[in-house]
């Protein structure tokens, strides 16, 4: 369930074959794309960013305002087949960080042991005060207030 270019073990049977006929980025201008950054514990992590449709994003990040997900939690929640279908499509739409107009979600791999440090809501703006600096605490408090 990982993008082939990361060169890591797969959680399921994604073949790893590249299909360049589908390497067509979605438009960020029409509001139907959300960017997901992939972060994992691999020594060769590239922190790649992929474009997701609204449906794909909502499948991965189903909670209200959720913008963080642990890949293993996602697979447990939806099952390997459903996760494989969604992520296989996602891996076909990489985008370079210079072209990104915002990162809307973070998908974490190999994060099981560290997931205890994530907010229960899996929303970045709910991080514990001790994990962020004062400027972030002020920003996140404003964003939580605006979300109400």
N, C-alpha and C. Protein backbone atom coordinates (compact mmCIF):
# COMPACT_ATOMS: atom_id res chain seq x y z
N UNK A 1 0.82 -1.20 0.00
CA UNK A 1 0.00 0.00 0.00
C UNK A 1 0.86 1.26 0.00
N UNK A 2 2.04 1.13 -0.54
CA UNK A 2 2.96 2.26 -0.60
C UNK A 2 3.26 2.59 -2.06
N UNK A 3 3.62 3.82 -2.33
CA UNK A 3 4.00 4.15 -3.69
C UNK A 3 5.26 3.39 -4.08
N UNK A 4 5.30 2.91 -5.30
CA UNK A 4 6.41 2.09 -5.77
C UNK A 4 7.75 2.81 -5.67
N UNK A 5 7.77 4.09 -5.96
CA UNK A 5 9.04 4.79 -5.99
C UNK A 5 9.70 4.89 -4.63
N UNK A 6 8.98 4.60 -3.56
CA UNK A 6 9.59 4.64 -2.24
C UNK A 6 10.40 3.38 -1.97
N UNK A 7 10.18 2.31 -2.74
CA UNK A 7 11.00 1.13 -2.66
C UNK A 7 10.90 0.36 -1.35
N UNK A 8 9.77 0.41 -0.67
CA UNK A 8 9.63 -0.28 0.60
C UNK A 8 8.72 -1.49 0.44
N UNK A 9 8.68 -2.30 1.46
CA UNK A 9 7.82 -3.49 1.43
C UNK A 9 6.36 -3.06 1.31
N UNK A 10 5.58 -3.89 0.67
CA UNK A 10 4.16 -3.60 0.50
C UNK A 10 3.35 -4.26 1.59
N UNK A 11 2.27 -3.63 2.00
CA UNK A 11 1.36 -4.25 2.96
C UNK A 11 0.37 -5.16 2.25
N UNK A 12 0.28 -5.03 0.93
CA UNK A 12 -0.63 -5.88 0.16
C UNK A 12 -0.02 -6.14 -1.21
N UNK A 13 -0.83 -6.59 -2.13
CA UNK A 13 -0.33 -7.06 -3.41
C UNK A 13 -0.21 -6.03 -4.50
N UNK A 14 0.05 -4.78 -4.22
CA UNK A 14 0.27 -3.83 -5.31
C UNK A 14 1.47 -4.30 -6.10
N UNK A 15 1.30 -4.38 -7.39
CA UNK A 15 2.34 -4.98 -8.23
C UNK A 15 3.58 -4.13 -8.33
N UNK A 16 3.45 -2.82 -8.17
CA UNK A 16 4.60 -1.95 -8.31
C UNK A 16 4.91 -1.61 -9.75
N UNK A 17 4.08 -2.06 -10.68
CA UNK A 17 4.29 -1.74 -12.09
C UNK A 17 3.87 -0.30 -12.33
N UNK A 18 4.70 0.42 -13.04
CA UNK A 18 4.40 1.81 -13.33
C UNK A 18 3.48 1.91 -14.53
N UNK A 19 2.41 2.67 -14.39
CA UNK A 19 1.48 2.91 -15.49
C UNK A 19 1.55 4.40 -15.81
N UNK A 20 2.45 4.77 -16.70
CA UNK A 20 2.67 6.18 -17.00
C UNK A 20 1.53 6.80 -17.78
N UNK A 21 0.61 6.00 -18.28
CA UNK A 21 -0.52 6.56 -19.02
C UNK A 21 -1.46 7.32 -18.10
N UNK A 22 -1.33 7.12 -16.79
CA UNK A 22 -2.24 7.77 -15.86
C UNK A 22 -1.55 8.80 -14.99
N UNK A 23 -0.32 9.20 -15.35
CA UNK A 23 0.41 10.19 -14.57
C UNK A 23 -0.03 11.60 -14.95
N UNK A 24 -1.31 11.85 -14.85
CA UNK A 24 -1.87 13.14 -15.20
C UNK A 24 -2.36 13.81 -13.93
N UNK A 25 -1.74 14.91 -13.52
CA UNK A 25 -2.16 15.56 -12.28
C UNK A 25 -3.57 16.11 -12.39
N UNK A 26 -4.26 16.15 -11.29
CA UNK A 26 -5.56 16.78 -11.23
C UNK A 26 -5.35 18.29 -11.17
N UNK A 27 -6.36 19.03 -11.51
CA UNK A 27 -6.25 20.48 -11.46
C UNK A 27 -6.47 20.97 -10.04
N UNK A 28 -5.60 21.84 -9.57
CA UNK A 28 -5.78 22.42 -8.24
C UNK A 28 -6.69 23.65 -8.32
N UNK A 29 -7.00 24.09 -9.51
CA UNK A 29 -7.81 25.29 -9.67
C UNK A 29 -9.30 25.03 -9.47
N UNK A 30 -9.74 23.80 -9.68
CA UNK A 30 -11.18 23.54 -9.62
C UNK A 30 -11.66 23.09 -8.25
N UNK A 31 -10.76 23.06 -7.25
CA UNK A 31 -11.16 22.76 -5.89
C UNK A 31 -11.49 21.31 -5.64
N UNK A 32 -11.19 20.41 -6.56
CA UNK A 32 -11.54 19.00 -6.36
C UNK A 32 -10.32 18.15 -6.04
N UNK A 33 -9.21 18.78 -5.69
CA UNK A 33 -8.01 18.03 -5.37
C UNK A 33 -7.53 18.43 -3.98
N UNK A 34 -7.03 17.40 -3.26
CA UNK A 34 -6.40 17.66 -1.97
C UNK A 34 -5.06 16.96 -2.00
N UNK A 35 -4.06 17.60 -1.44
CA UNK A 35 -2.71 17.07 -1.46
C UNK A 35 -2.41 16.34 -0.15
N UNK A 36 -1.85 15.14 -0.28
CA UNK A 36 -1.52 14.32 0.87
C UNK A 36 -0.02 14.07 0.86
N UNK A 37 0.64 14.42 1.96
CA UNK A 37 2.07 14.15 2.09
C UNK A 37 2.26 12.82 2.80
N UNK A 38 3.18 12.02 2.28
CA UNK A 38 3.47 10.70 2.84
C UNK A 38 4.74 10.82 3.68
N UNK A 39 4.66 10.40 4.93
CA UNK A 39 5.82 10.42 5.82
C UNK A 39 5.93 9.05 6.47
N UNK A 40 7.14 8.52 6.46
CA UNK A 40 7.33 7.24 7.13
C UNK A 40 8.70 7.14 7.76
N UNK A 41 8.93 6.04 8.41
CA UNK A 41 10.16 5.85 9.14
C UNK A 41 11.29 5.24 8.34
N UNK A 42 11.11 5.04 7.05
CA UNK A 42 12.15 4.43 6.23
C UNK A 42 13.38 5.33 6.11
N UNK A 43 14.55 4.71 6.05
CA UNK A 43 15.78 5.49 5.88
C UNK A 43 15.78 6.26 4.57
N UNK A 44 15.08 5.73 3.56
CA UNK A 44 15.07 6.38 2.25
C UNK A 44 13.78 7.17 2.00
N UNK A 45 13.13 7.62 3.07
CA UNK A 45 11.88 8.36 2.92
C UNK A 45 12.08 9.59 2.05
N UNK A 46 11.11 9.84 1.17
CA UNK A 46 11.20 10.98 0.26
C UNK A 46 10.18 12.07 0.58
N UNK A 47 9.23 11.81 1.47
CA UNK A 47 8.20 12.78 1.84
C UNK A 47 7.42 13.25 0.62
N UNK A 48 7.07 12.31 -0.21
CA UNK A 48 6.35 12.59 -1.45
C UNK A 48 4.96 13.14 -1.16
N UNK A 49 4.43 13.85 -2.14
CA UNK A 49 3.08 14.43 -2.06
C UNK A 49 2.30 13.92 -3.25
N UNK A 50 1.05 13.53 -2.99
CA UNK A 50 0.17 12.99 -4.03
C UNK A 50 -1.15 13.73 -3.99
N UNK A 51 -1.78 13.84 -5.17
CA UNK A 51 -3.08 14.48 -5.28
C UNK A 51 -4.18 13.45 -5.11
N UNK A 52 -5.16 13.79 -4.27
CA UNK A 52 -6.29 12.92 -4.01
C UNK A 52 -7.59 13.60 -4.44
N UNK A 53 -8.50 12.80 -4.95
CA UNK A 53 -9.85 13.32 -5.20
C UNK A 53 -10.51 13.53 -3.84
N UNK A 54 -11.61 14.25 -3.83
CA UNK A 54 -12.34 14.44 -2.57
C UNK A 54 -12.76 13.10 -1.98
N UNK A 55 -13.19 12.17 -2.82
CA UNK A 55 -13.63 10.86 -2.34
C UNK A 55 -12.48 10.08 -1.72
N UNK A 56 -11.32 10.11 -2.37
CA UNK A 56 -10.14 9.43 -1.82
C UNK A 56 -9.72 10.05 -0.49
N UNK A 57 -9.70 11.37 -0.45
CA UNK A 57 -9.31 12.06 0.77
C UNK A 57 -10.25 11.71 1.91
N UNK A 58 -11.55 11.75 1.64
CA UNK A 58 -12.54 11.44 2.68
C UNK A 58 -12.45 9.99 3.15
N UNK A 59 -12.04 9.08 2.28
CA UNK A 59 -11.87 7.68 2.67
C UNK A 59 -10.69 7.53 3.62
N UNK A 60 -9.63 8.28 3.36
CA UNK A 60 -8.43 8.18 4.18
C UNK A 60 -8.57 8.98 5.47
N UNK A 61 -9.20 10.14 5.40
CA UNK A 61 -9.34 11.06 6.54
C UNK A 61 -10.83 11.28 6.83
N UNK A 62 -11.53 10.32 7.44
CA UNK A 62 -12.98 10.41 7.56
C UNK A 62 -13.50 11.30 8.70
N UNK A 63 -12.69 11.61 9.67
CA UNK A 63 -13.17 12.37 10.83
C UNK A 63 -13.36 13.83 10.52
N UNK A 64 -14.20 14.51 11.30
CA UNK A 64 -14.40 15.96 11.10
C UNK A 64 -13.08 16.72 11.26
N UNK A 65 -12.64 17.39 10.22
CA UNK A 65 -11.41 18.16 10.26
C UNK A 65 -10.15 17.33 10.31
N UNK A 66 -10.27 16.02 10.18
CA UNK A 66 -9.10 15.14 10.27
C UNK A 66 -8.13 15.42 9.14
N UNK A 67 -6.85 15.55 9.48
CA UNK A 67 -5.82 15.76 8.46
C UNK A 67 -4.57 14.94 8.72
N UNK A 68 -4.66 13.99 9.66
CA UNK A 68 -3.57 13.06 9.96
C UNK A 68 -4.17 11.66 9.98
N UNK A 69 -3.47 10.70 9.38
CA UNK A 69 -3.88 9.30 9.47
C UNK A 69 -2.65 8.41 9.48
N UNK A 70 -2.72 7.34 10.25
CA UNK A 70 -1.69 6.32 10.27
C UNK A 70 -2.12 5.26 9.27
N UNK A 71 -1.25 4.93 8.33
CA UNK A 71 -1.60 4.01 7.24
C UNK A 71 -2.15 2.70 7.77
N UNK A 72 -1.53 2.15 8.80
CA UNK A 72 -1.99 0.88 9.35
C UNK A 72 -3.40 1.01 9.95
N UNK A 73 -3.73 2.15 10.53
CA UNK A 73 -5.09 2.38 11.05
C UNK A 73 -6.09 2.46 9.90
N UNK A 74 -5.69 3.12 8.82
CA UNK A 74 -6.55 3.22 7.64
C UNK A 74 -6.86 1.84 7.08
N UNK A 75 -5.84 1.01 6.93
CA UNK A 75 -6.03 -0.34 6.39
C UNK A 75 -6.93 -1.15 7.33
N UNK A 76 -6.71 -1.04 8.62
CA UNK A 76 -7.55 -1.77 9.60
C UNK A 76 -9.00 -1.32 9.50
N UNK A 77 -9.21 -0.03 9.28
CA UNK A 77 -10.57 0.53 9.24
C UNK A 77 -11.33 0.11 7.99
N UNK A 78 -10.69 0.15 6.82
CA UNK A 78 -11.42 -0.10 5.57
C UNK A 78 -11.13 -1.46 4.95
N UNK A 79 -10.09 -2.14 5.42
CA UNK A 79 -9.70 -3.42 4.83
C UNK A 79 -8.65 -3.21 3.75
N UNK A 80 -7.84 -4.26 3.55
CA UNK A 80 -6.74 -4.16 2.57
C UNK A 80 -7.21 -3.92 1.15
N UNK A 81 -8.30 -4.57 0.75
CA UNK A 81 -8.76 -4.41 -0.64
C UNK A 81 -9.18 -2.97 -0.92
N UNK A 82 -9.99 -2.39 -0.04
CA UNK A 82 -10.44 -1.01 -0.25
C UNK A 82 -9.27 -0.04 -0.18
N UNK A 83 -8.38 -0.24 0.80
CA UNK A 83 -7.22 0.65 0.92
C UNK A 83 -6.33 0.52 -0.32
N UNK A 84 -6.15 -0.69 -0.80
CA UNK A 84 -5.34 -0.93 -1.99
C UNK A 84 -5.92 -0.20 -3.20
N UNK A 85 -7.24 -0.28 -3.38
CA UNK A 85 -7.88 0.41 -4.52
C UNK A 85 -7.65 1.92 -4.44
N UNK A 86 -7.90 2.50 -3.28
CA UNK A 86 -7.76 3.95 -3.12
C UNK A 86 -6.31 4.38 -3.30
N UNK A 87 -5.39 3.71 -2.61
CA UNK A 87 -3.99 4.12 -2.67
C UNK A 87 -3.36 3.85 -4.03
N UNK A 88 -3.78 2.80 -4.71
CA UNK A 88 -3.26 2.54 -6.05
C UNK A 88 -3.56 3.72 -6.98
N UNK A 89 -4.74 4.29 -6.85
CA UNK A 89 -5.09 5.47 -7.65
C UNK A 89 -4.27 6.68 -7.22
N UNK A 90 -4.16 6.86 -5.92
CA UNK A 90 -3.42 8.00 -5.38
C UNK A 90 -1.98 8.02 -5.86
N UNK A 91 -1.32 6.85 -5.84
CA UNK A 91 0.10 6.78 -6.23
C UNK A 91 0.31 7.17 -7.69
N UNK A 92 -0.73 7.22 -8.48
CA UNK A 92 -0.61 7.60 -9.89
C UNK A 92 -0.56 9.11 -10.08
N UNK A 93 -0.74 9.88 -8.98
CA UNK A 93 -0.83 11.34 -9.11
C UNK A 93 0.15 12.05 -8.18
N UNK A 94 1.45 11.85 -8.39
CA UNK A 94 2.42 12.61 -7.58
C UNK A 94 2.43 14.07 -8.02
N UNK A 95 2.81 14.93 -7.11
CA UNK A 95 2.97 16.35 -7.43
C UNK A 95 4.21 16.85 -6.70
N UNK A 96 4.99 17.67 -7.36
CA UNK A 96 6.20 18.20 -6.74
C UNK A 96 5.84 19.30 -5.76
N UNK A 97 6.60 19.41 -4.69
CA UNK A 97 6.28 20.38 -3.64
C UNK A 97 6.25 21.82 -4.15
N UNK A 98 7.00 22.13 -5.20
CA UNK A 98 6.95 23.49 -5.75
C UNK A 98 5.60 23.81 -6.38
N UNK A 99 4.88 22.77 -6.80
CA UNK A 99 3.60 22.96 -7.49
C UNK A 99 2.40 22.84 -6.55
N UNK A 100 2.64 22.45 -5.32
CA UNK A 100 1.56 22.22 -4.37
C UNK A 100 0.97 23.54 -3.88
N UNK A 101 -0.34 23.57 -3.82
CA UNK A 101 -1.04 24.71 -3.25
C UNK A 101 -1.69 24.25 -1.95
N UNK A 102 -0.86 23.94 -0.98
CA UNK A 102 -1.32 23.48 0.33
C UNK A 102 -1.21 21.98 0.49
N UNK A 103 -0.91 21.57 1.70
CA UNK A 103 -0.94 20.16 2.07
C UNK A 103 -2.16 19.98 2.96
N UNK A 104 -3.07 19.12 2.55
CA UNK A 104 -4.34 18.97 3.23
C UNK A 104 -4.36 17.81 4.21
N UNK A 105 -3.44 16.87 4.04
CA UNK A 105 -3.41 15.72 4.93
C UNK A 105 -2.03 15.09 4.95
N UNK A 106 -1.76 14.35 6.03
CA UNK A 106 -0.50 13.64 6.19
C UNK A 106 -0.81 12.19 6.47
N UNK A 107 -0.26 11.30 5.65
CA UNK A 107 -0.43 9.86 5.83
C UNK A 107 0.89 9.31 6.34
N UNK A 108 0.86 8.73 7.53
CA UNK A 108 2.06 8.27 8.22
C UNK A 108 2.19 6.77 8.12
N UNK A 109 3.35 6.30 7.69
CA UNK A 109 3.65 4.87 7.64
C UNK A 109 4.64 4.53 8.75
N UNK A 110 4.58 3.29 9.23
CA UNK A 110 5.49 2.80 10.27
C UNK A 110 5.46 3.73 11.48
N UNK A 111 4.29 4.12 11.88
CA UNK A 111 4.12 5.12 12.93
C UNK A 111 3.46 4.54 14.18
N UNK A 112 3.26 3.21 14.20
CA UNK A 112 2.54 2.58 15.29
C UNK A 112 3.00 2.97 16.67
N UNK A 113 4.29 2.89 16.92
CA UNK A 113 4.83 3.21 18.25
C UNK A 113 4.71 4.70 18.58
N UNK A 114 4.79 5.55 17.55
CA UNK A 114 4.74 6.99 17.78
C UNK A 114 3.32 7.54 17.75
N UNK A 115 2.35 6.72 17.37
CA UNK A 115 0.98 7.23 17.23
C UNK A 115 0.41 7.72 18.55
N UNK A 116 1.00 7.32 19.67
CA UNK A 116 0.54 7.80 20.98
C UNK A 116 0.76 9.31 21.12
N UNK A 117 1.60 9.89 20.28
CA UNK A 117 1.85 11.32 20.33
C UNK A 117 0.89 12.13 19.45
N UNK A 118 0.05 11.44 18.69
CA UNK A 118 -0.91 12.13 17.84
C UNK A 118 -2.14 12.54 18.65
N UNK A 119 -2.76 13.64 18.27
CA UNK A 119 -4.02 13.99 18.94
C UNK A 119 -5.08 12.93 18.63
N UNK A 120 -5.94 12.66 19.60
CA UNK A 120 -6.99 11.65 19.39
C UNK A 120 -7.86 11.96 18.19
N UNK A 121 -8.07 13.24 17.93
CA UNK A 121 -8.90 13.68 16.80
C UNK A 121 -8.20 13.48 15.46
N UNK A 122 -6.89 13.27 15.49
CA UNK A 122 -6.06 13.20 14.28
C UNK A 122 -6.18 14.49 13.45
N UNK A 123 -6.28 15.59 14.18
CA UNK A 123 -6.27 16.92 13.56
C UNK A 123 -5.00 17.63 14.01
N UNK A 124 -4.26 18.15 13.06
CA UNK A 124 -3.01 18.86 13.37
C UNK A 124 -3.24 19.97 14.39
N UNK A 125 -4.36 20.66 14.29
CA UNK A 125 -4.61 21.81 15.17
C UNK A 125 -4.90 21.39 16.62
N UNK A 126 -5.02 20.10 16.87
CA UNK A 126 -5.26 19.62 18.24
C UNK A 126 -4.00 19.05 18.89
N UNK A 127 -2.85 19.31 18.33
CA UNK A 127 -1.59 18.83 18.92
C UNK A 127 -1.46 19.33 20.36
N UNK A 128 -0.81 18.53 21.19
CA UNK A 128 -0.57 18.90 22.58
C UNK A 128 0.32 20.14 22.63
N UNK A 129 0.05 21.02 23.58
CA UNK A 129 0.79 22.28 23.69
C UNK A 129 2.29 22.06 23.81
N UNK A 130 2.72 21.00 24.47
CA UNK A 130 4.14 20.74 24.64
C UNK A 130 4.84 20.27 23.37
N UNK A 131 4.09 19.96 22.34
CA UNK A 131 4.68 19.48 21.08
C UNK A 131 4.91 20.60 20.07
N UNK A 132 4.39 21.78 20.36
CA UNK A 132 4.46 22.89 19.40
C UNK A 132 4.92 24.16 20.10
N UNK A 133 5.38 25.12 19.31
CA UNK A 133 5.85 26.37 19.92
C UNK A 133 4.69 27.34 20.15
N UNK A 134 4.99 28.45 20.79
CA UNK A 134 3.94 29.42 21.16
C UNK A 134 3.21 29.96 19.94
N UNK A 135 3.93 30.26 18.88
CA UNK A 135 3.28 30.79 17.67
C UNK A 135 2.29 29.77 17.11
N UNK A 136 2.66 28.48 17.12
CA UNK A 136 1.75 27.43 16.64
C UNK A 136 0.55 27.29 17.57
N UNK A 137 0.79 27.39 18.88
CA UNK A 137 -0.34 27.30 19.83
C UNK A 137 -1.35 28.41 19.55
N UNK A 138 -0.85 29.62 19.30
CA UNK A 138 -1.73 30.76 19.00
C UNK A 138 -2.48 30.52 17.68
N UNK A 139 -1.76 30.09 16.66
CA UNK A 139 -2.37 29.81 15.35
C UNK A 139 -3.44 28.73 15.48
N UNK A 140 -3.11 27.60 16.12
CA UNK A 140 -4.03 26.48 16.22
C UNK A 140 -5.25 26.85 17.05
N UNK A 141 -5.08 27.66 18.08
CA UNK A 141 -6.23 28.11 18.88
C UNK A 141 -7.17 28.93 18.00
N UNK A 142 -6.61 29.81 17.18
CA UNK A 142 -7.45 30.61 16.27
C UNK A 142 -8.17 29.72 15.27
N UNK A 143 -7.44 28.75 14.70
CA UNK A 143 -8.06 27.85 13.72
C UNK A 143 -9.16 26.99 14.35
N UNK A 144 -8.96 26.54 15.59
CA UNK A 144 -10.02 25.78 16.27
C UNK A 144 -11.23 26.66 16.50
N UNK A 145 -11.00 27.91 16.87
CA UNK A 145 -12.10 28.85 17.09
C UNK A 145 -12.86 29.13 15.79
N UNK A 146 -12.12 29.30 14.70
CA UNK A 146 -12.74 29.56 13.40
C UNK A 146 -13.55 28.37 12.91
N UNK A 147 -13.15 27.16 13.30
CA UNK A 147 -13.83 25.94 12.85
C UNK A 147 -15.18 25.74 13.53
N UNK A 148 -15.41 26.44 14.60
CA UNK A 148 -16.67 26.27 15.34
C UNK A 148 -17.80 27.03 14.74
